[in-house]
Amino acid sequence: MNEERLIDLESKITLLEDLTEELNKTVYQQQQKIERLEAICASLARHIEALEEAGNGGMPANERPPHY
Protein backbone atom coordinates (compact mmCIF):
# COMPACT_ATOMS: atom_id res chain seq x y z
CA MET A 1 0.00 0.00 0.00
CA ASN A 2 1.47 3.32 -0.94
CA GLU A 3 1.95 6.17 1.51
CA GLU A 4 -0.61 8.50 -0.09
CA ARG A 5 -3.36 5.90 0.08
CA LEU A 6 -2.57 5.15 3.71
CA ILE A 7 -2.75 8.85 4.63
CA ASP A 8 -6.07 9.14 2.79
CA LEU A 9 -7.52 6.19 4.72
CA GLU A 10 -6.31 7.59 8.03
CA SER A 11 -7.92 10.93 7.21
CA LYS A 12 -11.21 9.25 6.39
CA ILE A 13 -11.12 7.20 9.61
CA THR A 14 -10.48 10.35 11.64
CA LEU A 15 -13.37 12.11 9.92
CA LEU A 16 -15.67 9.15 10.58
CA GLU A 17 -14.64 9.04 14.25
CA ASP A 18 -15.42 12.75 14.62
CA LEU A 19 -18.75 12.32 12.86
CA THR A 20 -19.66 9.35 15.07
CA GLU A 21 -18.84 11.33 18.21
CA GLU A 22 -20.95 14.26 17.02
CA LEU A 23 -23.88 11.97 16.20
CA ASN A 24 -23.62 10.32 19.62
CA LYS A 25 -23.80 13.75 21.28
CA THR A 26 -26.85 14.63 19.22
CA VAL A 27 -28.63 11.38 20.07
CA TYR A 28 -27.84 11.88 23.77
CA GLN A 29 -29.23 15.43 23.71
CA GLN A 30 -32.37 14.27 21.89
CA GLN A 31 -32.90 11.52 24.47
CA GLN A 32 -32.63 14.07 27.27
CA LYS A 33 -35.24 16.25 25.55
CA ILE A 34 -37.53 13.26 25.04
CA GLU A 35 -37.28 12.37 28.73
CA ARG A 36 -38.08 15.95 29.75
CA LEU A 37 -41.08 16.04 27.39
CA GLU A 38 -42.33 12.70 28.72
CA ALA A 39 -42.12 14.06 32.27
CA ILE A 40 -44.05 17.17 31.25
CA CYS A 41 -46.71 15.08 29.50
CA ALA A 42 -47.08 12.84 32.54
CA SER A 43 -47.41 15.88 34.80
CA LEU A 44 -50.05 17.42 32.53
CA ALA A 45 -51.96 14.13 32.41
CA ARG A 46 -51.96 13.96 36.23
CA HIS A 47 -53.12 17.56 36.40
CA ILE A 48 -55.98 16.91 33.95
CA GLU A 49 -57.02 13.81 35.89
CA ALA A 50 -57.02 15.82 39.12
CA LEU A 51 -59.18 18.49 37.52
CA GLU A 52 -61.59 15.87 36.21
CA GLU A 53 -61.81 14.25 39.65
CA ALA A 54 -62.41 17.61 41.32
CA GLY A 55 -65.23 18.21 38.88
CA ASN A 56 -66.24 21.29 37.01
CA GLY A 57 -68.89 22.65 39.36
CA GLY A 58 -71.18 19.80 38.40
CA MET A 59 -71.40 20.92 34.78
CA PRO A 60 -69.89 18.81 31.99
CA ALA A 61 -67.28 20.59 29.88
CA ASN A 62 -69.33 20.49 26.65
CA GLU A 63 -72.70 21.44 28.14
CA ARG A 64 -74.09 24.93 27.62
CA PRO A 65 -74.67 27.03 30.71
CA PRO A 66 -78.34 27.27 31.79
CA HIS A 67 -78.76 30.90 30.67
CA TYR A 68 -78.52 29.94 26.96
PDB file of N, CA and C in Angstrom:
ATOM      1  N   MET A   1       0.861  -1.163   0.000  1.00  0.00           N
ATOM      2  CA  MET A   1       0.000   0.000   0.000  1.00  0.00           C
ATOM      3  C   MET A   1       0.912   1.232   0.000  1.00  0.00           C
ATOM      4  N   ASN A   2       0.595   2.152  -0.877  1.00  0.00           N
ATOM      5  CA  ASN A   2       1.469   3.319  -0.936  1.00  0.00           C
ATOM      6  C   ASN A   2       1.127   4.325   0.167  1.00  0.00           C
ATOM      7  N   GLU A   3       2.043   5.209   0.405  1.00  0.00           N
ATOM      8  CA  GLU A   3       1.948   6.168   1.511  1.00  0.00           C
ATOM      9  C   GLU A   3       0.747   7.096   1.365  1.00  0.00           C
ATOM     10  N   GLU A   4       0.496   7.560   0.145  1.00  0.00           N
ATOM     11  CA  GLU A   4      -0.611   8.499  -0.088  1.00  0.00           C
ATOM     12  C   GLU A   4      -1.958   7.845   0.223  1.00  0.00           C
ATOM     13  N   ARG A   5      -2.109   6.619  -0.171  1.00  0.00           N
ATOM     14  CA  ARG A   5      -3.361   5.899   0.084  1.00  0.00           C
ATOM     15  C   ARG A   5      -3.558   5.677   1.580  1.00  0.00           C
ATOM     16  N   LEU A   6      -2.506   5.355   2.272  1.00  0.00           N
ATOM     17  CA  LEU A   6      -2.571   5.152   3.715  1.00  0.00           C
ATOM     18  C   LEU A   6      -2.972   6.452   4.432  1.00  0.00           C
ATOM     19  N   ILE A   7      -2.416   7.547   4.044  1.00  0.00           N
ATOM     20  CA  ILE A   7      -2.751   8.847   4.630  1.00  0.00           C
ATOM     21  C   ILE A   7      -4.224   9.179   4.354  1.00  0.00           C
ATOM     22  N   ASP A   8      -4.671   8.897   3.146  1.00  0.00           N
ATOM     23  CA  ASP A   8      -6.071   9.145   2.791  1.00  0.00           C
ATOM     24  C   ASP A   8      -7.013   8.309   3.665  1.00  0.00           C
ATOM     25  N   LEU A   9      -6.699   7.060   3.871  1.00  0.00           N
ATOM     26  CA  LEU A   9      -7.517   6.190   4.718  1.00  0.00           C
ATOM     27  C   LEU A   9      -7.527   6.669   6.168  1.00  0.00           C
ATOM     28  N   GLU A  10      -6.392   7.076   6.666  1.00  0.00           N
ATOM     29  CA  GLU A  10      -6.307   7.592   8.032  1.00  0.00           C
ATOM     30  C   GLU A  10      -7.153   8.856   8.194  1.00  0.00           C
ATOM     31  N   SER A  11      -7.123   9.701   7.180  1.00  0.00           N
ATOM     32  CA  SER A  11      -7.922  10.925   7.214  1.00  0.00           C
ATOM     33  C   SER A  11      -9.411  10.598   7.238  1.00  0.00           C
ATOM     34  N   LYS A  12      -9.808   9.643   6.426  1.00  0.00           N
ATOM     35  CA  LYS A  12     -11.212   9.249   6.390  1.00  0.00           C
ATOM     36  C   LYS A  12     -11.649   8.623   7.716  1.00  0.00           C
ATOM     37  N   ILE A  13     -10.802   7.827   8.317  1.00  0.00           N
ATOM     38  CA  ILE A  13     -11.121   7.202   9.608  1.00  0.00           C
ATOM     39  C   ILE A  13     -11.283   8.287  10.680  1.00  0.00           C
ATOM     40  N   THR A  14     -10.396   9.255  10.670  1.00  0.00           N
ATOM     41  CA  THR A  14     -10.481  10.346  11.635  1.00  0.00           C
ATOM     42  C   THR A  14     -11.780  11.128  11.453  1.00  0.00           C
ATOM     43  N   LEU A  15     -12.124  11.404  10.218  1.00  0.00           N
ATOM     44  CA  LEU A  15     -13.371  12.113   9.915  1.00  0.00           C
ATOM     45  C   LEU A  15     -14.583  11.312  10.398  1.00  0.00           C
ATOM     46  N   LEU A  16     -14.571  10.013  10.148  1.00  0.00           N
ATOM     47  CA  LEU A  16     -15.675   9.153  10.581  1.00  0.00           C
ATOM     48  C   LEU A  16     -15.766   9.080  12.107  1.00  0.00           C
ATOM     49  N   GLU A  17     -14.643   9.046  12.777  1.00  0.00           N
ATOM     50  CA  GLU A  17     -14.645   9.040  14.246  1.00  0.00           C
ATOM     51  C   GLU A  17     -15.251  10.333  14.786  1.00  0.00           C
ATOM     52  N   ASP A  18     -14.872  11.456  14.202  1.00  0.00           N
ATOM     53  CA  ASP A  18     -15.424  12.749  14.621  1.00  0.00           C
ATOM     54  C   ASP A  18     -16.927  12.809  14.364  1.00  0.00           C
ATOM     55  N   LEU A  19     -17.333  12.323  13.207  1.00  0.00           N
ATOM     56  CA  LEU A  19     -18.751  12.315  12.861  1.00  0.00           C
ATOM     57  C   LEU A  19     -19.541  11.430  13.819  1.00  0.00           C
ATOM     58  N   THR A  20     -18.999  10.273  14.145  1.00  0.00           N
ATOM     59  CA  THR A  20     -19.658   9.352  15.072  1.00  0.00           C
ATOM     60  C   THR A  20     -19.807   9.990  16.447  1.00  0.00           C
ATOM     61  N   GLU A  21     -18.782  10.654  16.905  1.00  0.00           N
ATOM     62  CA  GLU A  21     -18.839  11.328  18.206  1.00  0.00           C
ATOM     63  C   GLU A  21     -19.907  12.426  18.199  1.00  0.00           C
ATOM     64  N   GLU A  22     -19.960  13.190  17.142  1.00  0.00           N
ATOM     65  CA  GLU A  22     -20.953  14.263  17.025  1.00  0.00           C
ATOM     66  C   GLU A  22     -22.371  13.689  16.985  1.00  0.00           C
ATOM     67  N   LEU A  23     -22.561  12.610  16.254  1.00  0.00           N
ATOM     68  CA  LEU A  23     -23.877  11.969  16.197  1.00  0.00           C
ATOM     69  C   LEU A  23     -24.279  11.405  17.557  1.00  0.00           C
ATOM     70  N   ASN A  24     -23.338  10.838  18.278  1.00  0.00           N
ATOM     71  CA  ASN A  24     -23.621  10.324  19.622  1.00  0.00           C
ATOM     72  C   ASN A  24     -24.064  11.443  20.551  1.00  0.00           C
ATOM     73  N   LYS A  25     -23.408  12.602  20.467  1.00  0.00           N
ATOM     74  CA  LYS A  25     -23.800  13.747  21.285  1.00  0.00           C
ATOM     75  C   LYS A  25     -25.224  14.188  20.940  1.00  0.00           C
ATOM     76  N   THR A  26     -25.529  14.221  19.654  1.00  0.00           N
ATOM     77  CA  THR A  26     -26.850  14.633  19.216  1.00  0.00           C
ATOM     78  C   THR A  26     -27.922  13.668  19.712  1.00  0.00           C
ATOM     79  N   VAL A  27     -27.665  12.388  19.596  1.00  0.00           N
ATOM     80  CA  VAL A  27     -28.626  11.377  20.067  1.00  0.00           C
ATOM     81  C   VAL A  27     -28.825  11.503  21.573  1.00  0.00           C
ATOM     82  N   TYR A  28     -27.756  11.720  22.311  1.00  0.00           N
ATOM     83  CA  TYR A  28     -27.839  11.882  23.766  1.00  0.00           C
ATOM     84  C   TYR A  28     -28.690  13.099  24.129  1.00  0.00           C
ATOM     85  N   GLN A  29     -28.456  14.219  23.452  1.00  0.00           N
ATOM     86  CA  GLN A  29     -29.231  15.430  23.712  1.00  0.00           C
ATOM     87  C   GLN A  29     -30.704  15.230  23.366  1.00  0.00           C
ATOM     88  N   GLN A  30     -30.981  14.543  22.270  1.00  0.00           N
ATOM     89  CA  GLN A  30     -32.366  14.270  21.893  1.00  0.00           C
ATOM     90  C   GLN A  30     -33.044  13.380  22.927  1.00  0.00           C
ATOM     91  N   GLN A  31     -32.329  12.401  23.443  1.00  0.00           N
ATOM     92  CA  GLN A  31     -32.898  11.525  24.465  1.00  0.00           C
ATOM     93  C   GLN A  31     -33.227  12.304  25.728  1.00  0.00           C
ATOM     94  N   GLN A  32     -32.350  13.243  26.096  1.00  0.00           N
ATOM     95  CA  GLN A  32     -32.630  14.074  27.265  1.00  0.00           C
ATOM     96  C   GLN A  32     -33.895  14.897  27.054  1.00  0.00           C
ATOM     97  N   LYS A  33     -34.047  15.471  25.860  1.00  0.00           N
ATOM     98  CA  LYS A  33     -35.242  16.254  25.554  1.00  0.00           C
ATOM     99  C   LYS A  33     -36.493  15.380  25.583  1.00  0.00           C
ATOM    100  N   ILE A  34     -36.396  14.190  25.037  1.00  0.00           N
ATOM    101  CA  ILE A  34     -37.535  13.264  25.038  1.00  0.00           C
ATOM    102  C   ILE A  34     -37.939  12.943  26.468  1.00  0.00           C
ATOM    103  N   GLU A  35     -36.972  12.687  27.333  1.00  0.00           N
ATOM    104  CA  GLU A  35     -37.283  12.371  28.727  1.00  0.00           C
ATOM    105  C   GLU A  35     -37.936  13.550  29.432  1.00  0.00           C
ATOM    106  N   ARG A  36     -37.454  14.771  29.150  1.00  0.00           N
ATOM    107  CA  ARG A  36     -38.084  15.952  29.748  1.00  0.00           C
ATOM    108  C   ARG A  36     -39.522  16.110  29.244  1.00  0.00           C
ATOM    109  N   LEU A  37     -39.732  15.926  27.956  1.00  0.00           N
ATOM    110  CA  LEU A  37     -41.076  16.042  27.387  1.00  0.00           C
ATOM    111  C   LEU A  37     -42.014  14.967  27.938  1.00  0.00           C
ATOM    112  N   GLU A  38     -41.505  13.759  28.132  1.00  0.00           N
ATOM    113  CA  GLU A  38     -42.331  12.701  28.720  1.00  0.00           C
ATOM    114  C   GLU A  38     -42.734  13.059  30.141  1.00  0.00           C
ATOM    115  N   ALA A  39     -41.803  13.651  30.897  1.00  0.00           N
ATOM    116  CA  ALA A  39     -42.117  14.059  32.269  1.00  0.00           C
ATOM    117  C   ALA A  39     -43.170  15.165  32.268  1.00  0.00           C
ATOM    118  N   ILE A  40     -43.053  16.108  31.352  1.00  0.00           N
ATOM    119  CA  ILE A  40     -44.046  17.174  31.249  1.00  0.00           C
ATOM    120  C   ILE A  40     -45.409  16.605  30.877  1.00  0.00           C
ATOM    121  N   CYS A  41     -45.447  15.699  29.913  1.00  0.00           N
ATOM    122  CA  CYS A  41     -46.711  15.080  29.498  1.00  0.00           C
ATOM    123  C   CYS A  41     -47.356  14.315  30.651  1.00  0.00           C
ATOM    124  N   ALA A  42     -46.549  13.593  31.405  1.00  0.00           N
ATOM    125  CA  ALA A  42     -47.078  12.838  32.544  1.00  0.00           C
ATOM    126  C   ALA A  42     -47.635  13.792  33.594  1.00  0.00           C
ATOM    127  N   SER A  43     -46.939  14.889  33.842  1.00  0.00           N
ATOM    128  CA  SER A  43     -47.407  15.880  34.804  1.00  0.00           C
ATOM    129  C   SER A  43     -48.720  16.502  34.344  1.00  0.00           C
ATOM    130  N   LEU A  44     -48.810  16.845  33.069  1.00  0.00           N
ATOM    131  CA  LEU A  44     -50.046  17.418  32.532  1.00  0.00           C
ATOM    132  C   LEU A  44     -51.197  16.421  32.613  1.00  0.00           C
ATOM    133  N   ALA A  45     -50.915  15.163  32.334  1.00  0.00           N
ATOM    134  CA  ALA A  45     -51.959  14.131  32.408  1.00  0.00           C
ATOM    135  C   ALA A  45     -52.463  14.002  33.843  1.00  0.00           C
ATOM    136  N   ARG A  46     -51.541  14.018  34.823  1.00  0.00           N
ATOM    137  CA  ARG A  46     -51.957  13.957  36.226  1.00  0.00           C
ATOM    138  C   ARG A  46     -52.787  15.181  36.603  1.00  0.00           C
ATOM    139  N   HIS A  47     -52.394  16.331  36.108  1.00  0.00           N
ATOM    140  CA  HIS A  47     -53.121  17.562  36.399  1.00  0.00           C
ATOM    141  C   HIS A  47     -54.537  17.498  35.805  1.00  0.00           C
ATOM    142  N   ILE A  48     -54.661  17.037  34.589  1.00  0.00           N
ATOM    143  CA  ILE A  48     -55.975  16.914  33.950  1.00  0.00           C
ATOM    144  C   ILE A  48     -56.838  15.920  34.713  1.00  0.00           C
ATOM    145  N   GLU A  49     -56.263  14.800  35.111  1.00  0.00           N
ATOM    146  CA  GLU A  49     -57.021  13.813  35.887  1.00  0.00           C
ATOM    147  C   GLU A  49     -57.500  14.409  37.205  1.00  0.00           C
ATOM    148  N   ALA A  50     -56.638  15.189  37.850  1.00  0.00           N
ATOM    149  CA  ALA A  50     -57.018  15.819  39.118  1.00  0.00           C
ATOM    150  C   ALA A  50     -58.156  16.805  38.903  1.00  0.00           C
ATOM    151  N   LEU A  51     -58.098  17.546  37.818  1.00  0.00           N
ATOM    152  CA  LEU A  51     -59.181  18.490  37.523  1.00  0.00           C
ATOM    153  C   LEU A  51     -60.488  17.760  37.235  1.00  0.00           C
ATOM    154  N   GLU A  52     -60.394  16.652  36.513  1.00  0.00           N
ATOM    155  CA  GLU A  52     -61.592  15.868  36.211  1.00  0.00           C
ATOM    156  C   GLU A  52     -62.184  15.279  37.479  1.00  0.00           C
ATOM    157  N   GLU A  53     -61.331  14.821  38.385  1.00  0.00           N
ATOM    158  CA  GLU A  53     -61.808  14.248  39.645  1.00  0.00           C
ATOM    159  C   GLU A  53     -62.449  15.322  40.521  1.00  0.00           C
ATOM    160  N   ALA A  54     -61.869  16.520  40.508  1.00  0.00           N
ATOM    161  CA  ALA A  54     -62.407  17.612  41.315  1.00  0.00           C
ATOM    162  C   ALA A  54     -63.741  18.084  40.763  1.00  0.00           C
ATOM    163  N   GLY A  55     -63.981  17.801  39.516  1.00  0.00           N
ATOM    164  CA  GLY A  55     -65.229  18.206  38.882  1.00  0.00           C
ATOM    165  C   GLY A  55     -65.149  19.624  38.361  1.00  0.00           C
ATOM    166  N   ASN A  56     -66.185  19.975  37.653  1.00  0.00           N
ATOM    167  CA  ASN A  56     -66.236  21.286  37.015  1.00  0.00           C
ATOM    168  C   ASN A  56     -67.480  22.023  37.512  1.00  0.00           C
ATOM    169  N   GLY A  57     -67.705  22.015  38.815  1.00  0.00           N
ATOM    170  CA  GLY A  57     -68.889  22.654  39.360  1.00  0.00           C
ATOM    171  C   GLY A  57     -70.152  21.877  39.027  1.00  0.00           C
ATOM    172  N   GLY A  58     -70.031  20.637  38.713  1.00  0.00           N
ATOM    173  CA  GLY A  58     -71.180  19.801  38.397  1.00  0.00           C
ATOM    174  C   GLY A  58     -71.647  19.915  36.958  1.00  0.00           C
ATOM    175  N   MET A  59     -70.978  20.741  36.161  1.00  0.00           N
ATOM    176  CA  MET A  59     -71.399  20.923  34.777  1.00  0.00           C
ATOM    177  C   MET A  59     -70.382  20.269  33.839  1.00  0.00           C
ATOM    178  N   PRO A  60     -70.822  19.407  32.954  1.00  0.00           N
ATOM    179  CA  PRO A  60     -69.888  18.809  31.989  1.00  0.00           C
ATOM    180  C   PRO A  60     -69.240  19.884  31.109  1.00  0.00           C
ATOM    181  N   ALA A  61     -68.062  19.606  30.631  1.00  0.00           N
ATOM    182  CA  ALA A  61     -67.284  20.592  29.883  1.00  0.00           C
ATOM    183  C   ALA A  61     -67.970  21.034  28.599  1.00  0.00           C
ATOM    184  N   ASN A  62     -68.719  20.158  27.939  1.00  0.00           N
ATOM    185  CA  ASN A  62     -69.331  20.493  26.646  1.00  0.00           C
ATOM    186  C   ASN A  62     -70.773  20.950  26.770  1.00  0.00           C
ATOM    187  N   GLU A  63     -71.308  21.047  27.965  1.00  0.00           N
ATOM    188  CA  GLU A  63     -72.702  21.437  28.143  1.00  0.00           C
ATOM    189  C   GLU A  63     -72.828  22.957  28.217  1.00  0.00           C
ATOM    190  N   ARG A  64     -73.879  23.486  27.579  1.00  0.00           N
ATOM    191  CA  ARG A  64     -74.090  24.928  27.616  1.00  0.00           C
ATOM    192  C   ARG A  64     -74.570  25.354  29.004  1.00  0.00           C
ATOM    193  N   PRO A  65     -74.168  26.539  29.421  1.00  0.00           N
ATOM    194  CA  PRO A  65     -74.667  27.033  30.708  1.00  0.00           C
ATOM    195  C   PRO A  65     -76.190  27.212  30.648  1.00  0.00           C
ATOM    196  N   PRO A  66     -76.875  27.206  31.795  1.00  0.00           N
ATOM    197  CA  PRO A  66     -78.339  27.265  31.790  1.00  0.00           C
ATOM    198  C   PRO A  66     -78.926  28.547  31.233  1.00  0.00           C
ATOM    199  N   HIS A  67     -78.189  29.633  31.175  1.00  0.00           N
ATOM    200  CA  HIS A  67     -78.755  30.895  30.669  1.00  0.00           C
ATOM    201  C   HIS A  67     -78.842  30.960  29.157  1.00  0.00           C
ATOM    202  N   TYR A  68     -78.424  29.925  28.422  1.00  0.00           N
ATOM    203  CA  TYR A  68     -78.521  29.939  26.961  1.00  0.00           C
ATOM    204  C   TYR A  68     -79.828  29.366  26.519  1.00  0.00           C
TER     205      TYR A  68
END
